[in-house]
């Protein structure tokens, strides 16, 4: 996997509303030189991001599964 830079991630959030995958975000954090306190604080924020990302992904999957089921029923009736 090629490195994902911070500027690209910011552009994608601002322009398209795309959130970086947690693996890419963790990579960006690890590649950035940080002091101990700053690294600790970013790690705490990342843990929150990881939790919220997972919850959002689960909610999106549930919605998409319902939509897929509705489309399957509709195409079955036709």
Protein backbone atom coordinates (compact mmCIF):
# COMPACT_ATOMS: atom_id res chain seq x y z
CA UNK A 1 0.00 0.00 0.00
CA UNK A 2 1.47 3.33 -1.00
CA UNK A 3 1.69 6.09 1.62
CA UNK A 4 -1.39 8.28 1.90
CA UNK A 5 -0.50 11.88 2.57
CA UNK A 6 -2.24 14.31 4.88
CA UNK A 7 -2.91 16.90 2.15
CA UNK A 8 -4.71 14.32 -0.02
CA UNK A 9 -6.79 13.19 2.96
CA UNK A 10 -7.75 16.79 3.78
CA UNK A 11 -8.70 17.49 0.16
CA UNK A 12 -10.87 14.37 0.04
CA UNK A 13 -12.72 15.33 3.23
CA UNK A 14 -13.26 18.92 2.10
CA UNK A 15 -14.24 18.16 -1.49
CA UNK A 16 -15.96 14.78 -1.35
CA UNK A 17 -16.68 14.12 2.32
CA UNK A 18 -14.53 10.96 2.15
CA UNK A 19 -13.10 9.82 5.45
CA UNK A 20 -9.71 8.13 5.43
CA UNK A 21 -9.72 4.45 6.34
CA UNK A 22 -8.40 3.96 9.89
CA UNK A 23 -5.37 2.02 8.61
CA UNK A 24 -4.35 4.97 6.42
CA UNK A 25 -4.98 7.47 9.21
CA UNK A 26 -2.88 5.42 11.64
CA UNK A 27 -0.12 5.29 9.00
CA UNK A 28 -0.17 9.08 8.67
CA UNK A 29 0.04 9.46 12.45
CA UNK A 30 2.95 7.04 12.70
CA UNK A 31 4.89 8.72 9.86
CA UNK A 32 4.57 12.20 11.41
CA UNK A 33 7.26 13.22 13.93
CA UNK A 34 5.41 14.03 17.16
CA UNK A 35 6.31 14.79 20.74
CA UNK A 36 5.24 12.34 23.43
CA UNK A 37 2.27 14.40 24.65
CA UNK A 38 1.08 15.19 21.14
CA UNK A 39 1.37 11.53 20.12
CA UNK A 40 -0.60 10.44 23.19
CA UNK A 41 -3.37 12.95 22.50
CA UNK A 42 -3.58 12.02 18.81
CA UNK A 43 -3.73 8.34 19.78
CA UNK A 44 -6.69 9.08 22.08
CA UNK A 45 -8.43 10.97 19.29
CA UNK A 46 -7.66 8.13 16.87
CA UNK A 47 -9.28 5.60 19.22
CA UNK A 48 -12.46 7.70 19.16
CA UNK A 49 -12.24 7.95 15.37
CA UNK A 50 -11.83 4.19 15.11
CA UNK A 51 -14.92 3.57 17.24
CA UNK A 52 -17.05 6.08 15.34
CA UNK A 53 -15.80 4.82 11.98
CA UNK A 54 -16.83 1.28 12.91
CA UNK A 55 -20.26 2.41 14.10
CA UNK A 56 -20.82 4.42 10.92
CA UNK A 57 -19.71 1.49 8.78
CA UNK A 58 -22.15 -0.81 10.63
CA UNK A 59 -25.03 1.65 10.18
CA UNK A 60 -24.28 2.03 6.47
CA UNK A 61 -24.17 -1.74 6.04
CA UNK A 62 -27.56 -2.17 7.72
CA UNK A 63 -29.11 0.50 5.48
CA UNK A 64 -27.57 -1.01 2.35
CA UNK A 65 -28.71 -4.51 3.30
CA UNK A 66 -32.30 -3.25 3.71
CA UNK A 67 -32.14 -1.50 0.36
CA UNK A 68 -30.72 -4.62 -1.31
CA UNK A 69 -33.48 -6.73 0.21
CA UNK A 70 -36.12 -4.30 -1.07
CA UNK A 71 -34.60 -4.34 -4.56
CA UNK A 72 -34.53 -8.14 -4.53
CA UNK A 73 -38.20 -8.28 -3.55
CA UNK A 74 -39.13 -5.74 -6.20
CA UNK A 75 -37.26 -7.59 -8.96
CA UNK A 76 -38.74 -10.90 -7.82
CA UNK A 77 -42.29 -9.48 -8.23
CA UNK A 78 -41.57 -8.27 -11.76
